[in-house]
Protein backbone atom coordinates (compact mmCIF):
# COMPACT_ATOMS: atom_id res chain seq x y z
CA MET A 1 61.98 90.61 114.49
CA SER A 2 65.57 89.44 113.85
CA ILE A 3 66.58 86.21 112.21
CA VAL A 4 69.46 84.24 113.46
CA ILE A 5 71.02 81.59 111.38
CA LEU A 6 73.57 79.21 112.31
CA GLY A 7 75.51 77.97 109.11
CA ILE A 8 77.63 74.82 108.80
CA GLU A 9 80.08 74.35 105.84
CA SER A 10 81.78 70.87 105.59
CA SER A 11 82.00 70.18 101.89
CA CYS A 12 85.77 69.46 101.58
CA ASP A 13 88.59 69.85 103.85
CA ASP A 14 87.53 72.84 106.00
CA THR A 15 85.17 72.75 108.96
CA SER A 16 83.32 76.05 109.48
CA ALA A 17 80.51 77.48 111.37
CA ALA A 18 78.89 81.03 111.29
CA ILE A 19 76.03 83.03 112.77
CA ILE A 20 74.42 85.69 111.08
CA ARG A 21 71.63 88.10 112.31
CA ASP A 22 69.53 88.93 109.16
CA GLU A 23 72.25 89.74 106.49
CA VAL A 24 75.14 90.91 109.03
CA ILE A 25 77.75 88.50 110.09
CA LEU A 26 78.31 88.10 113.66
CA SER A 27 81.23 85.29 113.70
CA ASN A 28 82.67 83.21 110.88
CA VAL A 29 84.99 80.40 112.20
CA ILE A 30 87.00 78.04 110.16
CA ALA A 31 89.26 75.07 111.01
CA ASN A 32 91.71 74.44 108.36
CA GLN A 33 93.29 70.94 107.73
CA SER A 34 97.05 70.97 107.06
CA VAL A 35 97.40 67.21 107.11
CA HIS A 36 96.55 67.08 103.47
CA SER A 37 99.66 68.90 102.22
CA GLU A 38 102.05 66.14 102.34
CA TYR A 39 99.97 63.99 100.22
CA GLY A 40 99.79 66.63 97.13
CA GLY A 41 95.76 67.12 97.77
CA VAL A 42 92.97 66.41 99.70
CA VAL A 43 92.61 62.68 101.12
CA PRO A 44 88.65 62.05 101.60
CA GLU A 45 88.83 59.81 104.49
CA LEU A 46 91.26 61.91 106.47
CA ALA A 47 89.07 65.14 105.86
CA SER A 48 86.03 63.34 107.24
CA ARG A 49 87.76 62.13 110.24
CA THR A 50 89.10 65.65 111.04
CA HIS A 51 85.80 67.12 110.47
CA GLN A 52 84.49 64.98 113.15
CA GLN A 53 87.05 66.14 115.66
CA ASN A 54 86.55 69.86 114.66
CA ILE A 55 82.77 70.12 114.07
CA ILE A 56 81.75 70.66 117.70
CA PRO A 57 84.64 72.96 119.13
CA VAL A 58 84.10 75.20 115.75
CA VAL A 59 80.31 75.53 116.26
CA SER A 60 80.85 76.31 119.97
CA LYS A 61 83.31 79.04 119.19
CA ALA A 62 80.96 80.45 116.54
CA ILE A 63 78.14 80.86 118.86
CA LYS A 64 80.46 82.47 121.51
CA ASP A 65 82.25 85.02 119.48
CA ALA A 66 78.73 86.17 117.89
CA GLY A 67 77.77 86.91 121.40
CA VAL A 68 74.56 84.78 121.10
CA LYS A 69 72.98 81.86 122.86
CA ILE A 70 71.85 78.48 121.48
CA GLU A 71 68.50 79.70 122.35
CA ASP A 72 68.61 82.55 120.00
CA VAL A 73 69.22 80.44 116.82
CA ASP A 74 66.19 80.38 114.71
CA ALA A 75 67.36 77.64 111.83
CA ILE A 76 70.45 75.92 111.00
CA ALA A 77 71.68 75.99 107.36
CA PHE A 78 74.30 73.19 106.26
CA THR A 79 76.00 72.19 102.91
CA ARG A 80 73.99 69.46 101.33
CA GLY A 81 76.29 69.42 98.35
CA PRO A 82 78.29 69.34 96.05
CA GLY A 83 81.33 67.97 97.99
CA LEU A 84 83.17 65.01 99.38
CA MET A 85 80.58 62.58 100.68
CA GLY A 86 82.42 61.88 103.89
CA SER A 87 82.84 65.26 104.71
CA LEU A 88 79.15 66.24 104.00
CA LEU A 89 77.80 63.43 105.99
CA VAL A 90 79.43 65.04 109.11
CA GLY A 91 77.95 68.40 108.69
CA THR A 92 74.71 67.01 107.52
CA SER A 93 74.46 64.73 110.67
CA PHE A 94 75.49 67.58 113.18
CA ALA A 95 72.94 69.78 111.53
CA LYS A 96 70.09 67.37 111.90
CA GLY A 97 71.24 66.31 115.29
CA PHE A 98 71.37 70.10 116.39
CA ALA A 99 68.01 70.77 114.87
CA LEU A 100 66.28 67.81 116.34
CA ALA A 101 67.49 68.76 119.60
CA ARG A 102 66.28 72.49 119.76
CA ASP A 103 63.19 71.84 117.46
CA LEU A 104 64.79 74.13 114.74
CA PRO A 105 64.10 74.00 111.18
CA LEU A 106 66.55 72.67 108.63
CA ILE A 107 67.79 74.33 105.59
CA GLU A 108 69.80 72.73 102.93
CA VAL A 109 72.16 74.76 101.04
CA ASN A 110 73.99 74.31 97.54
CA HIS A 111 77.58 75.00 98.14
CA LEU A 112 77.73 76.60 94.67
CA HIS A 113 74.99 78.94 95.28
CA ALA A 114 76.24 79.92 98.46
CA HIS A 115 79.60 81.24 96.85
CA VAL A 116 77.57 83.57 94.62
CA LEU A 117 75.50 84.82 97.60
CA ALA A 118 78.71 85.63 99.68
CA HIS A 119 78.43 89.13 97.94
CA PHE A 120 75.50 89.77 100.35
CA ILE A 121 77.22 89.21 103.62
CA LYS A 122 77.14 92.46 105.55
CA GLU A 123 79.49 93.46 108.27
CA SER A 124 77.46 96.18 109.67
CA ASP A 125 73.88 97.42 108.90
CA ASP A 126 75.09 100.13 106.77
CA ASP A 127 77.13 97.97 104.34
CA THR A 128 75.46 98.58 100.82
CA ASP A 129 78.51 97.31 98.72
CA GLN A 130 76.15 94.81 96.87
CA PRO A 131 75.43 93.80 93.33
CA THR A 132 72.04 94.50 91.86
CA PHE A 133 69.91 92.25 89.77
CA PRO A 134 70.50 90.68 87.47
CA PHE A 135 74.47 90.14 87.36
CA LEU A 136 76.91 87.99 86.05
CA CYS A 137 78.98 85.91 88.45
CA LEU A 138 82.26 84.10 87.53
CA LEU A 139 82.44 81.34 90.08
CA VAL A 140 85.93 79.80 90.05
CA SER A 141 87.33 77.26 92.57
CA GLY A 142 89.33 73.95 92.64
CA GLY A 143 86.35 72.28 91.21
CA ASN A 144 84.25 74.71 89.41
CA SER A 145 84.40 77.19 86.59
CA GLN A 146 81.29 78.77 85.60
CA ILE A 147 79.51 81.77 84.45
CA ILE A 148 76.27 82.44 85.98
CA VAL A 149 73.34 84.73 85.37
CA VAL A 150 71.83 85.57 88.87
CA GLU A 151 68.25 86.89 88.75
CA ASN A 152 67.67 86.93 92.38
CA HIS A 153 69.00 85.51 95.76
CA LEU A 154 67.59 82.20 94.74
CA GLU A 155 67.21 81.97 90.91
CA MET A 156 70.53 81.35 88.94
CA GLU A 157 71.36 80.04 85.59
CA ILE A 158 74.48 78.61 84.58
CA ILE A 159 75.49 79.71 80.91
CA GLY A 160 78.95 78.61 80.67
CA GLN A 161 81.12 76.01 82.74
CA THR A 162 84.16 73.77 82.27
CA ILE A 163 83.71 70.61 80.10
CA ASP A 164 86.79 69.08 81.96
CA ASP A 165 89.23 70.66 84.44
CA ALA A 166 88.32 73.74 86.58
CA ALA A 167 90.57 76.83 86.82
CA GLY A 168 91.90 75.93 90.19
CA GLU A 169 92.64 72.27 89.15
CA ALA A 170 94.83 73.92 86.22
CA PHE A 171 96.57 76.18 88.78
CA ASP A 172 97.28 73.36 91.22
CA LYS A 173 98.16 70.56 88.57
CA CYS A 174 100.64 72.99 86.85
CA ALA A 175 102.22 73.96 90.10
CA LYS A 176 102.62 70.26 90.91
CA ILE A 177 104.32 69.74 87.53
CA MET A 178 106.55 72.42 88.81
CA GLY A 179 107.46 70.78 91.91
CA LEU A 180 105.43 73.27 93.98
CA PRO A 181 103.80 71.96 97.16
CA TYR A 182 99.99 71.65 97.45
CA PRO A 183 98.04 74.02 97.26
CA GLY A 184 99.90 75.41 94.32
CA GLY A 185 97.55 78.05 93.12
CA PRO A 186 98.65 80.65 95.75
CA LEU A 187 102.15 80.00 95.15
CA ILE A 188 101.84 80.44 91.41
CA ASP A 189 100.21 83.78 92.19
CA LYS A 190 102.92 84.79 94.49
CA TYR A 191 105.86 84.04 92.01
CA ALA A 192 103.92 85.52 89.18
CA LYS A 193 104.06 88.98 90.95
CA GLU A 194 107.94 88.96 90.15
CA GLY A 195 107.77 87.28 86.64
CA ASP A 196 107.28 88.49 82.91
CA PRO A 197 103.88 87.49 82.11
CA LEU A 198 104.74 87.71 78.37
CA ARG A 199 108.01 85.65 78.26
CA PHE A 200 106.27 82.45 77.48
CA ASN A 201 103.33 81.89 75.28
CA PHE A 202 100.79 79.01 76.01
CA ASN A 203 97.87 77.67 73.81
CA LYS A 204 94.62 78.72 74.68
CA PRO A 205 91.51 76.38 73.83
CA ARG A 206 88.91 77.04 71.30
CA ILE A 207 85.56 75.96 73.04
CA LYS A 208 82.20 77.08 71.95
CA ASP A 209 79.90 79.34 73.58
CA TYR A 210 80.79 80.24 77.17
CA ASP A 211 82.20 76.98 78.18
CA TYR A 212 85.79 76.51 79.43
CA SER A 213 88.44 73.96 79.25
CA PHE A 214 91.83 73.79 80.80
CA SER A 215 92.87 70.09 80.42
CA GLY A 216 94.54 70.85 77.12
CA LEU A 217 96.62 73.86 78.96
CA LYS A 218 97.73 71.47 81.60
CA THR A 219 99.11 68.90 78.86
CA SER A 220 100.95 71.22 76.84
CA PHE A 221 102.46 72.74 79.91
CA LEU A 222 103.79 69.38 80.88
CA TYR A 223 105.08 68.68 77.58
CA PHE A 224 106.61 71.93 77.15
CA LEU A 225 108.44 71.78 80.79
CA ARG A 226 109.61 68.34 79.68
CA ASP A 227 111.22 69.49 76.35
CA GLU A 228 112.93 72.57 78.17
CA MET A 229 114.29 70.33 80.80
CA LYS A 230 115.90 68.02 78.45
CA LYS A 231 118.15 70.98 77.40
CA ASP A 232 118.52 72.33 80.82
CA PRO A 233 117.51 70.26 84.12
CA ASP A 234 117.36 73.56 86.06
CA PHE A 235 115.09 75.20 83.73
CA ILE A 236 112.08 75.42 86.06
CA GLU A 237 114.15 76.83 89.01
CA LYS A 238 115.83 79.63 86.75
CA ASN A 239 112.44 80.50 85.11
CA LYS A 240 110.02 80.06 88.04
CA ASN A 241 108.70 83.61 88.17
CA ASP A 242 108.49 84.14 84.49
CA LEU A 243 106.70 80.54 84.19
CA CYS A 244 103.94 81.31 86.84
CA ALA A 245 103.46 84.80 85.46
CA SER A 246 102.83 83.41 82.04
CA LEU A 247 100.68 80.49 83.06
CA GLN A 248 98.58 82.88 85.39
CA LYS A 249 98.19 85.27 82.61
CA THR A 250 97.04 82.41 80.23
CA ILE A 251 94.18 81.09 82.48
CA VAL A 252 93.30 84.85 83.49
CA ASP A 253 92.91 85.47 79.68
CA ILE A 254 90.75 82.25 79.13
CA LEU A 255 88.62 83.02 81.92
CA MET A 256 87.99 86.76 80.92
CA ASP A 257 87.42 86.17 77.27
CA LYS A 258 84.43 84.24 77.96
CA LEU A 259 83.15 86.49 80.56
CA ILE A 260 83.48 89.43 78.27
CA LYS A 261 81.70 87.56 75.71
CA ALA A 262 78.81 86.80 77.94
CA SER A 263 78.60 90.39 79.19
CA LYS A 264 78.44 91.58 75.61
CA ASP A 265 75.84 89.02 74.54
CA THR A 266 73.49 89.38 77.61
CA GLY A 267 74.01 93.33 77.99
CA ILE A 268 74.80 92.70 81.61
CA LYS A 269 77.56 95.14 83.15
CA GLN A 270 77.13 94.03 86.79
CA ILE A 271 80.00 91.61 87.22
CA ALA A 272 80.91 89.41 90.39
CA LEU A 273 83.68 87.23 91.13
CA ALA A 274 83.29 84.27 93.73
CA GLY A 275 85.08 80.96 94.67
CA GLY A 276 88.54 80.15 96.12
CA VAL A 277 90.42 81.50 92.70
CA SER A 278 88.78 84.81 93.45
CA ALA A 279 91.62 85.40 95.72
CA ASN A 280 94.23 85.25 92.87
CA SER A 281 95.66 88.92 92.39
CA GLY A 282 95.80 88.59 88.39
CA LEU A 283 92.11 87.77 88.10
CA ARG A 284 91.07 90.26 90.38
CA SER A 285 92.90 93.09 88.80
CA ALA A 286 91.76 91.80 85.46
CA ILE A 287 88.04 92.36 86.23
CA GLN A 288 88.30 95.41 88.24
CA ASP A 289 90.40 97.13 85.35
CA HIS A 290 87.75 95.92 82.60
CA LYS A 291 86.16 99.29 81.42
CA GLY A 292 82.36 99.66 81.44
CA TRP A 293 81.78 97.06 84.30
CA VAL A 294 80.56 97.80 87.90
CA THR A 295 82.48 94.94 89.66
CA PHE A 296 82.23 93.19 92.89
CA ILE A 297 85.15 91.25 94.34
CA PRO A 298 84.61 89.30 97.67
CA LYS A 299 86.77 89.81 100.58
CA PHE A 300 89.58 87.29 101.10
CA SER A 301 87.63 85.50 103.99
CA TYR A 302 84.69 84.85 101.82
CA THR A 303 86.60 83.42 98.91
CA THR A 304 87.38 79.97 100.39
CA ASP A 305 85.06 77.38 101.72
CA ASN A 306 83.09 79.32 104.80
CA ALA A 307 80.15 79.06 106.68
CA ALA A 308 79.17 82.59 106.23
CA MET A 309 78.08 82.13 102.82
CA ILE A 310 76.06 79.12 103.87
CA ALA A 311 74.39 80.96 106.56
CA ILE A 312 73.39 84.08 104.19
CA ASN A 313 71.95 81.49 101.69
CA GLY A 314 70.06 79.83 104.40
CA TYR A 315 68.61 83.24 105.68
CA TYR A 316 67.16 83.98 102.08
CA LYS A 317 65.81 80.53 101.92
CA PHE A 318 64.36 80.90 105.62
CA LEU A 319 62.24 84.31 104.43
CA LYS A 320 60.65 81.82 101.68
CA GLY A 321 59.96 78.99 104.17
CA ASP A 322 62.16 76.77 102.08
CA PHE A 323 62.91 74.09 104.86
CA THR A 324 63.99 70.31 104.62
CA GLY A 325 63.18 67.50 106.63
CA GLN A 326 64.94 65.10 108.84
CA ASP A 327 65.26 62.55 105.98
CA VAL A 328 67.62 64.63 103.90
CA VAL A 329 70.86 63.12 102.71
CA PRO A 330 73.99 64.68 101.14
CA PHE A 331 74.78 64.59 97.71
CA ALA A 332 78.47 64.62 96.34
CA ARG A 333 77.11 65.87 93.10
CA LEU A 334 74.35 68.33 93.26
CA ASN A 335 72.54 69.86 90.35
CA PHE A 336 72.72 73.58 90.25
């Protein structure tokens, strides 16, 4: 018998709902919030208010687009954390209310686990392009940079992670230093395609094992631009493409160096990429071009925060009977 899962994602500033039947995606609706761009970053209170406005129409559209009825839903999966508390409360409260009204089981989902499991979303029954276990996943987003050993759908171990800023933060903060609008990461990627990645050399951190650090890069980038602009106030505008290309190459090199070391030490050659920064063209190319790996790159629609990844995680937890009660509460910080 088929299992239909309704997924709810509200961890930050995107309200999303999705329907899957077994592992096949039927709908994945995302409502973005443009209000934050004028502030240079996500404003938590504005995000939670907008989630309240979006949650019902987004869920209604997801059910309609999937071609199913409310009565067909077998369980509701929702993001418990990590994320912004106000945003998480909206999704959690809606999920609890929906489950209570329909007498359905609730499934809590770790947002980071869900990013990893996005690779198992099928768009048809014959979709078989999925990693085999065990595999290494490089999870890179605005708040996380992690190397994860994935033993199965529900067992994962972090072997390396950022000790300060994440890769996504480094992109966005360096973009802000250059005067680029938020979110700056995609713009750096855009301008980098027209620049020389070898034009400028930026320092790389020396961190033990498989851990990452990007705060030093951000600081050195700031001081570099400050010194150059003292000589030429138009330095950034004149060299924007080369700056973006060199910065992107440095960040990608930092990520790749640790991932290569982890693959060599563990002997795992199945390599997956996940998270918002997995949309970066430089990082995608570096992973795909590395010899000796079998690589898995998510579709762009599954790189950012979306409910399809919540639903697929919920599906595997449903099979294990891993449900939660109505007393569940969200956590802004949730252990992996």
